[in-house]
Amino acid sequence: LIDGSQAAPHLVVDVQAVGCDFYVFTGHKV
């Protein structure tokens, strides 16, 4: 499981390329 709260606003996130099972983020930071 990846906590992507700070990544979703700053990086190009590709859950398929990363290969994780869960990815989470919060709306107010994006």
PDB file of all heavy atoms in Angstrom:
ATOM      1  N   LEU A   1       0.856  -1.184   0.000  1.00  0.00           N
ATOM      2  CA  LEU A   1       0.000   0.000   0.000  1.00  0.00           C
ATOM      3  C   LEU A   1       0.885   1.225   0.000  1.00  0.00           C
ATOM      4  O   LEU A   1       1.810   1.327   0.813  1.00  0.00           O
ATOM      5  CB  LEU A   1      -0.916   0.017   1.220  1.00  0.00           C
ATOM      6  CG  LEU A   1      -1.840   1.252   1.330  1.00  0.00           C
ATOM      7  CD1 LEU A   1      -3.208   0.876   1.898  1.00  0.00           C
ATOM      8  CD2 LEU A   1      -1.210   2.365   2.199  1.00  0.00           C
ATOM      9  N   ILE A   2       0.600   2.161  -0.906  1.00  0.00           N
ATOM     10  CA  ILE A   2       1.371   3.406  -0.992  1.00  0.00           C
ATOM     11  C   ILE A   2       0.484   4.577  -0.598  1.00  0.00           C
ATOM     12  O   ILE A   2      -0.611   4.763  -1.138  1.00  0.00           O
ATOM     13  CB  ILE A   2       1.922   3.626  -2.410  1.00  0.00           C
ATOM     14  CG1 ILE A   2       2.860   2.486  -2.803  1.00  0.00           C
ATOM     15  CG2 ILE A   2       2.654   4.965  -2.495  1.00  0.00           C
ATOM     16  CD1 ILE A   2       3.383   2.592  -4.225  1.00  0.00           C
ATOM     17  N   ASP A   3       0.981   5.372   0.357  1.00  0.00           N
ATOM     18  CA  ASP A   3       0.341   6.639   0.710  1.00  0.00           C
ATOM     19  C   ASP A   3       0.843   7.690  -0.273  1.00  0.00           C
ATOM     20  O   ASP A   3       1.970   8.163  -0.192  1.00  0.00           O
ATOM     21  CB  ASP A   3       0.706   7.022   2.144  1.00  0.00           C
ATOM     22  CG  ASP A   3       0.165   8.393   2.550  1.00  0.00           C
ATOM     23  OD1 ASP A   3      -0.442   9.080   1.703  1.00  0.00           O
ATOM     24  OD2 ASP A   3       0.361   8.780   3.720  1.00  0.00           O
ATOM     25  N   GLY A   4      -0.026   8.032  -1.225  1.00  0.00           N
ATOM     26  CA  GLY A   4       0.353   8.973  -2.278  1.00  0.00           C
ATOM     27  C   GLY A   4      -0.127  10.389  -2.055  1.00  0.00           C
ATOM     28  O   GLY A   4      -0.184  11.173  -3.006  1.00  0.00           O
ATOM     29  N   SER A   5      -0.427  10.739  -0.804  1.00  0.00           N
ATOM     30  CA  SER A   5      -0.996  12.064  -0.525  1.00  0.00           C
ATOM     31  C   SER A   5      -0.125  13.202  -1.049  1.00  0.00           C
ATOM     32  O   SER A   5      -0.638  14.188  -1.592  1.00  0.00           O
ATOM     33  CB  SER A   5      -1.201  12.236   0.983  1.00  0.00           C
ATOM     34  OG  SER A   5      -2.138  11.331   1.476  1.00  0.00           O
ATOM     35  N   GLN A   6       1.184  13.079  -0.873  1.00  0.00           N
ATOM     36  CA  GLN A   6       2.081  14.142  -1.324  1.00  0.00           C
ATOM     37  C   GLN A   6       2.572  13.932  -2.748  1.00  0.00           C
ATOM     38  O   GLN A   6       3.078  14.872  -3.372  1.00  0.00           O
ATOM     39  CB  GLN A   6       3.289  14.236  -0.378  1.00  0.00           C
ATOM     40  CG  GLN A   6       2.942  14.545   1.059  1.00  0.00           C
ATOM     41  CD  GLN A   6       2.281  15.898   1.232  1.00  0.00           C
ATOM     42  OE1 GLN A   6       2.470  16.818   0.441  1.00  0.00           O
ATOM     43  NE2 GLN A   6       1.475  16.026   2.283  1.00  0.00           N
ATOM     44  N   ALA A   7       2.402  12.735  -3.282  1.00  0.00           N
ATOM     45  CA  ALA A   7       2.899  12.461  -4.632  1.00  0.00           C
ATOM     46  C   ALA A   7       1.903  12.860  -5.714  1.00  0.00           C
ATOM     47  O   ALA A   7       2.294  13.356  -6.772  1.00  0.00           O
ATOM     48  CB  ALA A   7       3.250  10.987  -4.770  1.00  0.00           C
ATOM     49  N   ALA A   8       0.627  12.614  -5.462  1.00  0.00           N
ATOM     50  CA  ALA A   8      -0.382  12.913  -6.488  1.00  0.00           C
ATOM     51  C   ALA A   8      -0.332  14.363  -6.954  1.00  0.00           C
ATOM     52  O   ALA A   8      -0.553  14.628  -8.144  1.00  0.00           O
ATOM     53  CB  ALA A   8      -1.774  12.543  -5.966  1.00  0.00           C
ATOM     54  N   PRO A   9      -0.033  15.345  -6.072  1.00  0.00           N
ATOM     55  CA  PRO A   9       0.064  16.723  -6.555  1.00  0.00           C
ATOM     56  C   PRO A   9       1.381  17.055  -7.250  1.00  0.00           C
ATOM     57  O   PRO A   9       1.478  18.082  -7.917  1.00  0.00           O
ATOM     58  CB  PRO A   9      -0.060  17.565  -5.279  1.00  0.00           C
ATOM     59  CG  PRO A   9      -0.416  16.623  -4.189  1.00  0.00           C
ATOM     60  CD  PRO A   9       0.046  15.277  -4.614  1.00  0.00           C
ATOM     61  N   HIS A  10       2.412  16.226  -7.070  1.00  0.00           N
ATOM     62  CA  HIS A  10       3.757  16.617  -7.493  1.00  0.00           C
ATOM     63  C   HIS A  10       4.381  15.737  -8.574  1.00  0.00           C
ATOM     64  O   HIS A  10       5.323  16.166  -9.239  1.00  0.00           O
ATOM     65  CB  HIS A  10       4.697  16.623  -6.289  1.00  0.00           C
ATOM     66  CG  HIS A  10       4.332  17.595  -5.212  1.00  0.00           C
ATOM     67  ND1 HIS A  10       4.251  18.955  -5.428  1.00  0.00           N
ATOM     68  CD2 HIS A  10       4.002  17.395  -3.913  1.00  0.00           C
ATOM     69  CE1 HIS A  10       3.904  19.560  -4.303  1.00  0.00           C
ATOM     70  NE2 HIS A  10       3.748  18.632  -3.373  1.00  0.00           N
ATOM     71  N   LEU A  11       3.906  14.512  -8.731  1.00  0.00           N
ATOM     72  CA  LEU A  11       4.536  13.567  -9.654  1.00  0.00           C
ATOM     73  C   LEU A  11       3.521  13.011 -10.642  1.00  0.00           C
ATOM     74  O   LEU A  11       2.318  13.062 -10.407  1.00  0.00           O
ATOM     75  CB  LEU A  11       5.158  12.398  -8.883  1.00  0.00           C
ATOM     76  CG  LEU A  11       6.229  12.715  -7.837  1.00  0.00           C
ATOM     77  CD1 LEU A  11       6.655  11.426  -7.142  1.00  0.00           C
ATOM     78  CD2 LEU A  11       7.428  13.410  -8.469  1.00  0.00           C
ATOM     79  N   VAL A  12       4.028  12.456 -11.723  1.00  0.00           N
ATOM     80  CA  VAL A  12       3.187  11.668 -12.621  1.00  0.00           C
ATOM     81  C   VAL A  12       3.066  10.284 -11.991  1.00  0.00           C
ATOM     82  O   VAL A  12       4.055   9.564 -11.858  1.00  0.00           O
ATOM     83  CB  VAL A  12       3.805  11.570 -14.030  1.00  0.00           C
ATOM     84  CG1 VAL A  12       2.948  10.677 -14.914  1.00  0.00           C
ATOM     85  CG2 VAL A  12       3.941  12.962 -14.640  1.00  0.00           C
ATOM     86  N   VAL A  13       1.868   9.923 -11.562  1.00  0.00           N
ATOM     87  CA  VAL A  13       1.632   8.664 -10.862  1.00  0.00           C
ATOM     88  C   VAL A  13       1.015   7.652 -11.825  1.00  0.00           C
ATOM     89  O   VAL A  13       0.006   7.936 -12.476  1.00  0.00           O
ATOM     90  CB  VAL A  13       0.705   8.866  -9.648  1.00  0.00           C
ATOM     91  CG1 VAL A  13       0.383   7.531  -8.989  1.00  0.00           C
ATOM     92  CG2 VAL A  13       1.340   9.823  -8.643  1.00  0.00           C
ATOM     93  N   ASP A  14       1.608   6.481 -11.890  1.00  0.00           N
ATOM     94  CA  ASP A  14       1.113   5.403 -12.749  1.00  0.00           C
ATOM     95  C   ASP A  14       1.103   4.124 -11.914  1.00  0.00           C
ATOM     96  O   ASP A  14       2.133   3.486 -11.737  1.00  0.00           O
ATOM     97  CB  ASP A  14       2.020   5.247 -13.971  1.00  0.00           C
ATOM     98  CG  ASP A  14       1.515   4.209 -14.973  1.00  0.00           C
ATOM     99  OD1 ASP A  14       0.763   3.304 -14.564  1.00  0.00           O
ATOM    100  OD2 ASP A  14       1.884   4.293 -16.160  1.00  0.00           O
ATOM    101  N   VAL A  15      -0.066   3.764 -11.400  1.00  0.00           N
ATOM    102  CA  VAL A  15      -0.126   2.616 -10.491  1.00  0.00           C
ATOM    103  C   VAL A  15       0.231   1.318 -11.193  1.00  0.00           C
ATOM    104  O   VAL A  15       0.746   0.382 -10.558  1.00  0.00           O
ATOM    105  CB  VAL A  15      -1.510   2.507  -9.822  1.00  0.00           C
ATOM    106  CG1 VAL A  15      -1.755   3.703  -8.916  1.00  0.00           C
ATOM    107  CG2 VAL A  15      -2.638   2.357 -10.845  1.00  0.00           C
ATOM    108  N   GLN A  16      -0.015   1.244 -12.490  1.00  0.00           N
ATOM    109  CA  GLN A  16       0.339   0.024 -13.211  1.00  0.00           C
ATOM    110  C   GLN A  16       1.848  -0.121 -13.347  1.00  0.00           C
ATOM    111  O   GLN A  16       2.405  -1.216 -13.187  1.00  0.00           O
ATOM    112  CB  GLN A  16      -0.322   0.020 -14.589  1.00  0.00           C
ATOM    113  CG  GLN A  16      -1.842  -0.007 -14.520  1.00  0.00           C
ATOM    114  CD  GLN A  16      -2.472  -0.213 -15.884  1.00  0.00           C
ATOM    115  OE1 GLN A  16      -2.342  -1.273 -16.488  1.00  0.00           O
ATOM    116  NE2 GLN A  16      -3.173   0.809 -16.377  1.00  0.00           N
ATOM    117  N   ALA A  17       2.525   0.987 -13.631  1.00  0.00           N
ATOM    118  CA  ALA A  17       3.980   0.939 -13.748  1.00  0.00           C
ATOM    119  C   ALA A  17       4.646   0.733 -12.395  1.00  0.00           C
ATOM    120  O   ALA A  17       5.668   0.032 -12.293  1.00  0.00           O
ATOM    121  CB  ALA A  17       4.490   2.228 -14.391  1.00  0.00           C
ATOM    122  N   VAL A  18       4.083   1.325 -11.346  1.00  0.00           N
ATOM    123  CA  VAL A  18       4.651   1.193 -10.004  1.00  0.00           C
ATOM    124  C   VAL A  18       4.527  -0.242  -9.504  1.00  0.00           C
ATOM    125  O   VAL A  18       5.426  -0.767  -8.849  1.00  0.00           O
ATOM    126  CB  VAL A  18       3.965   2.177  -9.031  1.00  0.00           C
ATOM    127  CG1 VAL A  18       4.325   1.856  -7.588  1.00  0.00           C
ATOM    128  CG2 VAL A  18       4.373   3.612  -9.364  1.00  0.00           C
ATOM    129  N   GLY A  19       3.387  -0.869  -9.787  1.00  0.00           N
ATOM    130  CA  GLY A  19       3.211  -2.260  -9.393  1.00  0.00           C
ATOM    131  C   GLY A  19       2.701  -2.460  -7.985  1.00  0.00           C
ATOM    132  O   GLY A  19       2.871  -3.544  -7.407  1.00  0.00           O
ATOM    133  N   CYS A  20       2.045  -1.445  -7.408  1.00  0.00           N
ATOM    134  CA  CYS A  20       1.510  -1.574  -6.055  1.00  0.00           C
ATOM    135  C   CYS A  20       0.170  -2.301  -6.070  1.00  0.00           C
ATOM    136  O   CYS A  20      -0.429  -2.516  -7.126  1.00  0.00           O
ATOM    137  CB  CYS A  20       1.348  -0.198  -5.408  1.00  0.00           C
ATOM    138  SG  CYS A  20       0.323   0.951  -6.370  1.00  0.00           S
ATOM    139  N   ASP A  21      -0.303  -2.645  -4.878  1.00  0.00           N
ATOM    140  CA  ASP A  21      -1.612  -3.280  -4.750  1.00  0.00           C
ATOM    141  C   ASP A  21      -2.692  -2.298  -4.321  1.00  0.00           C
ATOM    142  O   ASP A  21      -3.861  -2.465  -4.673  1.00  0.00           O
ATOM    143  CB  ASP A  21      -1.524  -4.429  -3.740  1.00  0.00           C
ATOM    144  CG  ASP A  21      -0.620  -5.548  -4.229  1.00  0.00           C
ATOM    145  OD1 ASP A  21      -0.976  -6.188  -5.237  1.00  0.00           O
ATOM    146  OD2 ASP A  21       0.442  -5.765  -3.628  1.00  0.00           O
ATOM    147  N   PHE A  22      -2.303  -1.299  -3.538  1.00  0.00           N
ATOM    148  CA  PHE A  22      -3.214  -0.228  -3.134  1.00  0.00           C
ATOM    149  C   PHE A  22      -2.476   1.107  -3.258  1.00  0.00           C
ATOM    150  O   PHE A  22      -1.279   1.190  -2.962  1.00  0.00           O
ATOM    151  CB  PHE A  22      -3.671  -0.389  -1.676  1.00  0.00           C
ATOM    152  CG  PHE A  22      -4.408  -1.661  -1.379  1.00  0.00           C
ATOM    153  CD1 PHE A  22      -3.752  -2.713  -0.746  1.00  0.00           C
ATOM    154  CD2 PHE A  22      -5.745  -1.813  -1.704  1.00  0.00           C
ATOM    155  CE1 PHE A  22      -4.416  -3.888  -0.450  1.00  0.00           C
ATOM    156  CE2 PHE A  22      -6.426  -2.993  -1.416  1.00  0.00           C
ATOM    157  CZ  PHE A  22      -5.762  -4.028  -0.790  1.00  0.00           C
ATOM    158  N   TYR A  23      -3.208   2.134  -3.681  1.00  0.00           N
ATOM    159  CA  TYR A  23      -2.647   3.486  -3.736  1.00  0.00           C
ATOM    160  C   TYR A  23      -3.722   4.429  -3.222  1.00  0.00           C
ATOM    161  O   TYR A  23      -4.879   4.347  -3.653  1.00  0.00           O
ATOM    162  CB  TYR A  23      -2.246   3.868  -5.170  1.00  0.00           C
ATOM    163  CG  TYR A  23      -1.310   5.053  -5.251  1.00  0.00           C
ATOM    164  CD1 TYR A  23       0.067   4.866  -5.303  1.00  0.00           C
ATOM    165  CD2 TYR A  23      -1.796   6.358  -5.253  1.00  0.00           C
ATOM    166  CE1 TYR A  23       0.939   5.945  -5.352  1.00  0.00           C
ATOM    167  CE2 TYR A  23      -0.936   7.439  -5.308  1.00  0.00           C
ATOM    168  CZ  TYR A  23       0.435   7.229  -5.362  1.00  0.00           C
ATOM    169  OH  TYR A  23       1.305   8.296  -5.410  1.00  0.00           O
ATOM    170  N   VAL A  24      -3.352   5.319  -2.301  1.00  0.00           N
ATOM    171  CA  VAL A  24      -4.337   6.220  -1.704  1.00  0.00           C
ATOM    172  C   VAL A  24      -3.838   7.655  -1.792  1.00  0.00           C
ATOM    173  O   VAL A  24      -2.631   7.921  -1.747  1.00  0.00           O
ATOM    174  CB  VAL A  24      -4.616   5.850  -0.234  1.00  0.00           C
ATOM    175  CG1 VAL A  24      -5.150   4.427  -0.124  1.00  0.00           C
ATOM    176  CG2 VAL A  24      -3.374   6.000   0.640  1.00  0.00           C
ATOM    177  N   PHE A  25      -4.776   8.579  -1.934  1.00  0.00           N
ATOM    178  CA  PHE A  25      -4.429   9.996  -1.837  1.00  0.00           C
ATOM    179  C   PHE A  25      -5.648  10.802  -1.441  1.00  0.00           C
ATOM    180  O   PHE A  25      -6.778  10.303  -1.451  1.00  0.00           O
ATOM    181  CB  PHE A  25      -3.795  10.530  -3.128  1.00  0.00           C
ATOM    182  CG  PHE A  25      -4.705  10.594  -4.325  1.00  0.00           C
ATOM    183  CD1 PHE A  25      -5.425  11.744  -4.621  1.00  0.00           C
ATOM    184  CD2 PHE A  25      -4.812   9.510  -5.188  1.00  0.00           C
ATOM    185  CE1 PHE A  25      -6.247  11.803  -5.741  1.00  0.00           C
ATOM    186  CE2 PHE A  25      -5.628   9.555  -6.307  1.00  0.00           C
ATOM    187  CZ  PHE A  25      -6.347  10.713  -6.590  1.00  0.00           C
ATOM    188  N   THR A  26      -5.413  12.039  -1.096  1.00  0.00           N
ATOM    189  CA  THR A  26      -6.470  12.898  -0.560  1.00  0.00           C
ATOM    190  C   THR A  26      -6.755  14.049  -1.512  1.00  0.00           C
ATOM    191  O   THR A  26      -5.843  14.577  -2.159  1.00  0.00           O
ATOM    192  CB  THR A  26      -6.074  13.405   0.843  1.00  0.00           C
ATOM    193  OG1 THR A  26      -7.210  13.945   1.491  1.00  0.00           O
ATOM    194  CG2 THR A  26      -4.971  14.435   0.780  1.00  0.00           C
ATOM    195  N   GLY A  27      -8.021  14.439  -1.605  1.00  0.00           N
ATOM    196  CA  GLY A  27      -8.421  15.431  -2.602  1.00  0.00           C
ATOM    197  C   GLY A  27      -7.920  16.836  -2.340  1.00  0.00           C
ATOM    198  O   GLY A  27      -7.586  17.573  -3.276  1.00  0.00           O
ATOM    199  N   HIS A  28      -7.861  17.228  -1.077  1.00  0.00           N
ATOM    200  CA  HIS A  28      -7.532  18.632  -0.793  1.00  0.00           C
ATOM    201  C   HIS A  28      -6.071  18.957  -1.035  1.00  0.00           C
ATOM    202  O   HIS A  28      -5.704  20.130  -1.104  1.00  0.00           O
ATOM    203  CB  HIS A  28      -7.946  19.012   0.631  1.00  0.00           C
ATOM    204  CG  HIS A  28      -7.161  18.367   1.718  1.00  0.00           C
ATOM    205  ND1 HIS A  28      -6.085  18.978   2.314  1.00  0.00           N
ATOM    206  CD2 HIS A  28      -7.296  17.177   2.342  1.00  0.00           C
ATOM    207  CE1 HIS A  28      -5.592  18.196   3.249  1.00  0.00           C
ATOM    208  NE2 HIS A  28      -6.307  17.090   3.288  1.00  0.00           N
ATOM    209  N   LYS A  29      -5.233  17.945  -1.213  1.00  0.00           N
ATOM    210  CA  LYS A  29      -3.828  18.219  -1.549  1.00  0.00           C
ATOM    211  C   LYS A  29      -3.605  18.260  -3.056  1.00  0.00           C
ATOM    212  O   LYS A  29      -2.551  18.722  -3.506  1.00  0.00           O
ATOM    213  CB  LYS A  29      -2.918  17.178  -0.894  1.00  0.00           C
ATOM    214  CG  LYS A  29      -2.964  17.194   0.629  1.00  0.00           C
ATOM    215  CD  LYS A  29      -1.960  16.237   1.234  1.00  0.00           C
ATOM    216  CE  LYS A  29      -2.229  15.938   2.692  1.00  0.00           C
ATOM    217  NZ  LYS A  29      -2.168  17.110   3.573  1.00  0.00           N
ATOM    218  N   VAL A  30      -4.581  17.789  -3.839  1.00  0.00           N
ATOM    219  CA  VAL A  30      -4.482  17.898  -5.297  1.00  0.00           C
ATOM    220  C   VAL A  30      -5.384  19.023  -5.794  1.00  0.00           C
ATOM    221  O   VAL A  30      -5.984  18.923  -6.850  1.00  0.00           O
ATOM    222  CB  VAL A  30      -4.798  16.572  -6.019  1.00  0.00           C
ATOM    223  CG1 VAL A  30      -3.711  15.560  -5.809  1.00  0.00           C
ATOM    224  CG2 VAL A  30      -6.142  16.011  -5.597  1.00  0.00           C
TER     225      VAL A  30
END
